Amino acid sequence: MNLKDQYYTPKELAEMWKMKIGFIRQEIRDGKLQCKHFGRSVRITKEQVTAYIENFVD
């Protein structure tokens, strides 16, 4: 992980993808969308988003 990595919150992804935040959280709980935990905060890197999308398209 690099300090220059771009991070998204579940709320930001939900807004970008026009989905409910519950869907994003469920994908994280199911292990389909990888994330990083910083205490109680959850952040998703751009690379993790790309991997999720590529996996979703397959």
PDB file of N, CA and C in Angstrom:
ATOM      1  N   MET A   1       0.850  -1.169   0.000  1.00  0.00           N
ATOM      2  CA  MET A   1       0.000   0.000   0.000  1.00  0.00           C
ATOM      3  C   MET A   1       0.896   1.232   0.000  1.00  0.00           C
ATOM      4  N   ASN A   2       0.475   2.233  -0.723  1.00  0.00           N
ATOM      5  CA  ASN A   2       1.253   3.452  -0.898  1.00  0.00           C
ATOM      6  C   ASN A   2       0.439   4.642  -0.391  1.00  0.00           C
ATOM      7  N   LEU A   3       1.124   5.628   0.165  1.00  0.00           N
ATOM      8  CA  LEU A   3       0.410   6.810   0.646  1.00  0.00           C
ATOM      9  C   LEU A   3      -0.259   7.583  -0.481  1.00  0.00           C
ATOM     10  N   LYS A   4       0.196   7.377  -1.704  1.00  0.00           N
ATOM     11  CA  LYS A   4      -0.382   8.083  -2.846  1.00  0.00           C
ATOM     12  C   LYS A   4      -1.596   7.354  -3.419  1.00  0.00           C
ATOM     13  N   ASP A   5      -1.930   6.177  -2.859  1.00  0.00           N
ATOM     14  CA  ASP A   5      -3.107   5.450  -3.321  1.00  0.00           C
ATOM     15  C   ASP A   5      -4.359   6.299  -3.103  1.00  0.00           C
ATOM     16  N   GLN A   6      -5.308   6.154  -4.013  1.00  0.00           N
ATOM     17  CA  GLN A   6      -6.573   6.852  -3.865  1.00  0.00           C
ATOM     18  C   GLN A   6      -7.528   5.934  -3.102  1.00  0.00           C
ATOM     19  N   TYR A   7      -8.162   6.463  -2.077  1.00  0.00           N
ATOM     20  CA  TYR A   7      -9.088   5.692  -1.260  1.00  0.00           C
ATOM     21  C   TYR A   7     -10.500   6.212  -1.410  1.00  0.00           C
ATOM     22  N   TYR A   8     -11.447   5.268  -1.335  1.00  0.00           N
ATOM     23  CA  TYR A   8     -12.862   5.610  -1.357  1.00  0.00           C
ATOM     24  C   TYR A   8     -13.504   5.076  -0.088  1.00  0.00           C
ATOM     25  N   THR A   9     -14.491   5.772   0.397  1.00  0.00           N
ATOM     26  CA  THR A   9     -15.306   5.247   1.484  1.00  0.00           C
ATOM     27  C   THR A   9     -16.471   4.479   0.851  1.00  0.00           C
ATOM     28  N   PRO A  10     -17.102   3.597   1.602  1.00  0.00           N
ATOM     29  CA  PRO A  10     -18.289   2.923   1.060  1.00  0.00           C
ATOM     30  C   PRO A  10     -19.357   3.919   0.600  1.00  0.00           C
ATOM     31  N   LYS A  11     -19.509   5.018   1.323  1.00  0.00           N
ATOM     32  CA  LYS A  11     -20.495   6.034   0.944  1.00  0.00           C
ATOM     33  C   LYS A  11     -20.143   6.663  -0.396  1.00  0.00           C
ATOM     34  N   GLU A  12     -18.855   6.962  -0.617  1.00  0.00           N
ATOM     35  CA  GLU A  12     -18.431   7.557  -1.887  1.00  0.00           C
ATOM     36  C   GLU A  12     -18.682   6.598  -3.044  1.00  0.00           C
ATOM     37  N   LEU A  13     -18.379   5.310  -2.845  1.00  0.00           N
ATOM     38  CA  LEU A  13     -18.639   4.330  -3.905  1.00  0.00           C
ATOM     39  C   LEU A  13     -20.131   4.226  -4.196  1.00  0.00           C
ATOM     40  N   ALA A  14     -20.933   4.204  -3.150  1.00  0.00           N
ATOM     41  CA  ALA A  14     -22.386   4.119  -3.341  1.00  0.00           C
ATOM     42  C   ALA A  14     -22.896   5.306  -4.151  1.00  0.00           C
ATOM     43  N   GLU A  15     -22.375   6.492  -3.864  1.00  0.00           N
ATOM     44  CA  GLU A  15     -22.794   7.679  -4.617  1.00  0.00           C
ATOM     45  C   GLU A  15     -22.307   7.617  -6.064  1.00  0.00           C
ATOM     46  N   MET A  16     -21.062   7.189  -6.277  1.00  0.00           N
ATOM     47  CA  MET A  16     -20.523   7.106  -7.637  1.00  0.00           C
ATOM     48  C   MET A  16     -21.278   6.082  -8.471  1.00  0.00           C
ATOM     49  N   TRP A  17     -21.603   4.954  -7.859  1.00  0.00           N
ATOM     50  CA  TRP A  17     -22.270   3.861  -8.577  1.00  0.00           C
ATOM     51  C   TRP A  17     -23.789   3.966  -8.529  1.00  0.00           C
ATOM     52  N   LYS A  18     -24.295   5.000  -7.845  1.00  0.00           N
ATOM     53  CA  LYS A  18     -25.742   5.213  -7.707  1.00  0.00           C
ATOM     54  C   LYS A  18     -26.438   3.969  -7.142  1.00  0.00           C
ATOM     55  N   MET A  19     -25.856   3.477  -6.044  1.00  0.00           N
ATOM     56  CA  MET A  19     -26.402   2.317  -5.341  1.00  0.00           C
ATOM     57  C   MET A  19     -26.555   2.674  -3.876  1.00  0.00           C
ATOM     58  N   LYS A  20     -27.236   1.822  -3.163  1.00  0.00           N
ATOM     59  CA  LYS A  20     -27.380   2.031  -1.725  1.00  0.00           C
ATOM     60  C   LYS A  20     -26.108   1.600  -1.018  1.00  0.00           C
ATOM     61  N   ILE A  21     -25.787   2.296   0.061  1.00  0.00           N
ATOM     62  CA  ILE A  21     -24.579   1.982   0.815  1.00  0.00           C
ATOM     63  C   ILE A  21     -24.659   0.569   1.405  1.00  0.00           C
ATOM     64  N   GLY A  22     -25.849   0.100   1.683  1.00  0.00           N
ATOM     65  CA  GLY A  22     -26.033  -1.261   2.199  1.00  0.00           C
ATOM     66  C   GLY A  22     -25.513  -2.310   1.232  1.00  0.00           C
ATOM     67  N   PHE A  23     -25.679  -2.064  -0.068  1.00  0.00           N
ATOM     68  CA  PHE A  23     -25.174  -2.994  -1.069  1.00  0.00           C
ATOM     69  C   PHE A  23     -23.647  -3.060  -1.014  1.00  0.00           C
ATOM     70  N   ILE A  24     -23.001  -1.901  -0.901  1.00  0.00           N
ATOM     71  CA  ILE A  24     -21.538  -1.847  -0.831  1.00  0.00           C
ATOM     72  C   ILE A  24     -21.065  -2.580   0.422  1.00  0.00           C
ATOM     73  N   ARG A  25     -21.711  -2.311   1.544  1.00  0.00           N
ATOM     74  CA  ARG A  25     -21.330  -2.975   2.795  1.00  0.00           C
ATOM     75  C   ARG A  25     -21.513  -4.486   2.713  1.00  0.00           C
ATOM     76  N   GLN A  26     -22.584  -4.924   2.056  1.00  0.00           N
ATOM     77  CA  GLN A  26     -22.836  -6.364   1.911  1.00  0.00           C
ATOM     78  C   GLN A  26     -21.765  -7.014   1.036  1.00  0.00           C
ATOM     79  N   GLU A  27     -21.356  -6.341  -0.026  1.00  0.00           N
ATOM     80  CA  GLU A  27     -20.295  -6.869  -0.886  1.00  0.00           C
ATOM     81  C   GLU A  27     -18.984  -7.005  -0.101  1.00  0.00           C
ATOM     82  N   ILE A  28     -18.727  -6.057   0.790  1.00  0.00           N
ATOM     83  CA  ILE A  28     -17.527  -6.128   1.640  1.00  0.00           C
ATOM     84  C   ILE A  28     -17.662  -7.303   2.606  1.00  0.00           C
ATOM     85  N   ARG A  29     -18.814  -7.433   3.263  1.00  0.00           N
ATOM     86  CA  ARG A  29     -19.026  -8.545   4.208  1.00  0.00           C
ATOM     87  C   ARG A  29     -18.912  -9.893   3.518  1.00  0.00           C
ATOM     88  N   ASP A  30     -19.414  -9.993   2.295  1.00  0.00           N
ATOM     89  CA  ASP A  30     -19.364 -11.256   1.546  1.00  0.00           C
ATOM     90  C   ASP A  30     -17.972 -11.552   0.997  1.00  0.00           C
ATOM     91  N   GLY A  31     -17.054 -10.594   1.103  1.00  0.00           N
ATOM     92  CA  GLY A  31     -15.696 -10.804   0.614  1.00  0.00           C
ATOM     93  C   GLY A  31     -15.542 -10.557  -0.878  1.00  0.00           C
ATOM     94  N   LYS A  32     -16.569 -10.035  -1.507  1.00  0.00           N
ATOM     95  CA  LYS A  32     -16.501  -9.765  -2.945  1.00  0.00           C
ATOM     96  C   LYS A  32     -15.756  -8.480  -3.245  1.00  0.00           C
ATOM     97  N   LEU A  33     -15.850  -7.510  -2.344  1.00  0.00           N
ATOM     98  CA  LEU A  33     -15.166  -6.228  -2.486  1.00  0.00           C
ATOM     99  C   LEU A  33     -14.158  -6.109  -1.347  1.00  0.00           C
ATOM    100  N   GLN A  34     -12.891  -6.153  -1.691  1.00  0.00           N
ATOM    101  CA  GLN A  34     -11.834  -6.064  -0.688  1.00  0.00           C
ATOM    102  C   GLN A  34     -11.716  -4.634  -0.187  1.00  0.00           C
ATOM    103  N   CYS A  35     -11.257  -4.474   1.048  1.00  0.00           N
ATOM    104  CA  CYS A  35     -11.104  -3.150   1.629  1.00  0.00           C
ATOM    105  C   CYS A  35      -9.992  -3.162   2.664  1.00  0.00           C
ATOM    106  N   LYS A  36      -9.658  -1.988   3.128  1.00  0.00           N
ATOM    107  CA  LYS A  36      -8.681  -1.803   4.196  1.00  0.00           C
ATOM    108  C   LYS A  36      -9.409  -1.223   5.392  1.00  0.00           C
ATOM    109  N   HIS A  37      -9.086  -1.726   6.569  1.00  0.00           N
ATOM    110  CA  HIS A  37      -9.677  -1.213   7.796  1.00  0.00           C
ATOM    111  C   HIS A  37      -8.646  -0.364   8.525  1.00  0.00           C
ATOM    112  N   PHE A  38      -9.049   0.830   8.900  1.00  0.00           N
ATOM    113  CA  PHE A  38      -8.242   1.731   9.703  1.00  0.00           C
ATOM    114  C   PHE A  38      -9.058   2.024  10.959  1.00  0.00           C
ATOM    115  N   GLY A  39      -8.854   1.212  11.978  1.00  0.00           N
ATOM    116  CA  GLY A  39      -9.712   1.307  13.152  1.00  0.00           C
ATOM    117  C   GLY A  39     -11.114   0.871  12.758  1.00  0.00           C
ATOM    118  N   ARG A  40     -12.076   1.735  12.968  1.00  0.00           N
ATOM    119  CA  ARG A  40     -13.453   1.424  12.573  1.00  0.00           C
ATOM    120  C   ARG A  40     -13.777   1.934  11.177  1.00  0.00           C
ATOM    121  N   SER A  41     -12.851   2.636  10.572  1.00  0.00           N
ATOM    122  CA  SER A  41     -13.066   3.183   9.230  1.00  0.00           C
ATOM    123  C   SER A  41     -12.723   2.144   8.170  1.00  0.00           C
ATOM    124  N   VAL A  42     -13.467   2.182   7.092  1.00  0.00           N
ATOM    125  CA  VAL A  42     -13.244   1.286   5.965  1.00  0.00           C
ATOM    126  C   VAL A  42     -12.886   2.138   4.760  1.00  0.00           C
ATOM    127  N   ARG A  43     -11.826   1.739   4.064  1.00  0.00           N
ATOM    128  CA  ARG A  43     -11.427   2.437   2.845  1.00  0.00           C
ATOM    129  C   ARG A  43     -11.148   1.398   1.766  1.00  0.00           C
ATOM    130  N   ILE A  44     -11.503   1.744   0.548  1.00  0.00           N
ATOM    131  CA  ILE A  44     -11.312   0.870  -0.600  1.00  0.00           C
ATOM    132  C   ILE A  44     -10.371   1.590  -1.554  1.00  0.00           C
ATOM    133  N   THR A  45      -9.292   0.911  -1.966  1.00  0.00           N
ATOM    134  CA  THR A  45      -8.344   1.536  -2.879  1.00  0.00           C
ATOM    135  C   THR A  45      -8.871   1.459  -4.307  1.00  0.00           C
ATOM    136  N   LYS A  46      -8.297   2.274  -5.149  1.00  0.00           N
ATOM    137  CA  LYS A  46      -8.674   2.280  -6.562  1.00  0.00           C
ATOM    138  C   LYS A  46      -8.405   0.905  -7.182  1.00  0.00           C
ATOM    139  N   GLU A  47      -7.311   0.277  -6.776  1.00  0.00           N
ATOM    140  CA  GLU A  47      -6.970  -1.053  -7.292  1.00  0.00           C
ATOM    141  C   GLU A  47      -8.008  -2.093  -6.870  1.00  0.00           C
ATOM    142  N   GLN A  48      -8.511  -1.990  -5.644  1.00  0.00           N
ATOM    143  CA  GLN A  48      -9.537  -2.917  -5.169  1.00  0.00           C
ATOM    144  C   GLN A  48     -10.843  -2.720  -5.917  1.00  0.00           C
ATOM    145  N   VAL A  49     -11.157  -1.484  -6.236  1.00  0.00           N
ATOM    146  CA  VAL A  49     -12.359  -1.195  -7.027  1.00  0.00           C
ATOM    147  C   VAL A  49     -12.215  -1.791  -8.424  1.00  0.00           C
ATOM    148  N   THR A  50     -11.047  -1.591  -9.026  1.00  0.00           N
ATOM    149  CA  THR A  50     -10.792  -2.140 -10.365  1.00  0.00           C
ATOM    150  C   THR A  50     -10.901  -3.664 -10.357  1.00  0.00           C
ATOM    151  N   ALA A  51     -10.308  -4.310  -9.352  1.00  0.00           N
ATOM    152  CA  ALA A  51     -10.377  -5.771  -9.256  1.00  0.00           C
ATOM    153  C   ALA A  51     -11.818  -6.246  -9.091  1.00  0.00           C
ATOM    154  N   TYR A  52     -12.611  -5.539  -8.299  1.00  0.00           N
ATOM    155  CA  TYR A  52     -14.015  -5.888  -8.097  1.00  0.00           C
ATOM    156  C   TYR A  52     -14.785  -5.790  -9.413  1.00  0.00           C
ATOM    157  N   ILE A  53     -14.572  -4.713 -10.134  1.00  0.00           N
ATOM    158  CA  ILE A  53     -15.282  -4.518 -11.398  1.00  0.00           C
ATOM    159  C   ILE A  53     -14.889  -5.584 -12.409  1.00  0.00           C
ATOM    160  N   GLU A  54     -13.603  -5.885 -12.496  1.00  0.00           N
ATOM    161  CA  GLU A  54     -13.151  -6.926 -13.426  1.00  0.00           C
ATOM    162  C   GLU A  54     -13.739  -8.273 -13.060  1.00  0.00           C
ATOM    163  N   ASN A  55     -13.827  -8.571 -11.767  1.00  0.00           N
ATOM    164  CA  ASN A  55     -14.399  -9.817 -11.298  1.00  0.00           C
ATOM    165  C   ASN A  55     -15.901  -9.856 -11.556  1.00  0.00           C
ATOM    166  N   PHE A  56     -16.570  -8.727 -11.415  1.00  0.00           N
ATOM    167  CA  PHE A  56     -18.009  -8.620 -11.621  1.00  0.00           C
ATOM    168  C   PHE A  56     -18.358  -8.822 -13.096  1.00  0.00           C
ATOM    169  N   VAL A  57     -17.515  -8.324 -13.990  1.00  0.00           N
ATOM    170  CA  VAL A  57     -17.769  -8.414 -15.427  1.00  0.00           C
ATOM    171  C   VAL A  57     -17.568  -9.834 -15.930  1.00  0.00           C
ATOM    172  N   ASP A  58     -16.638 -10.569 -15.321  1.00  0.00           N
ATOM    173  CA  ASP A  58     -16.352 -11.948 -15.774  1.00  0.00           C
ATOM    174  C   ASP A  58     -17.469 -12.879 -15.589  1.00  0.00           C
TER     175      ASP A  58
END
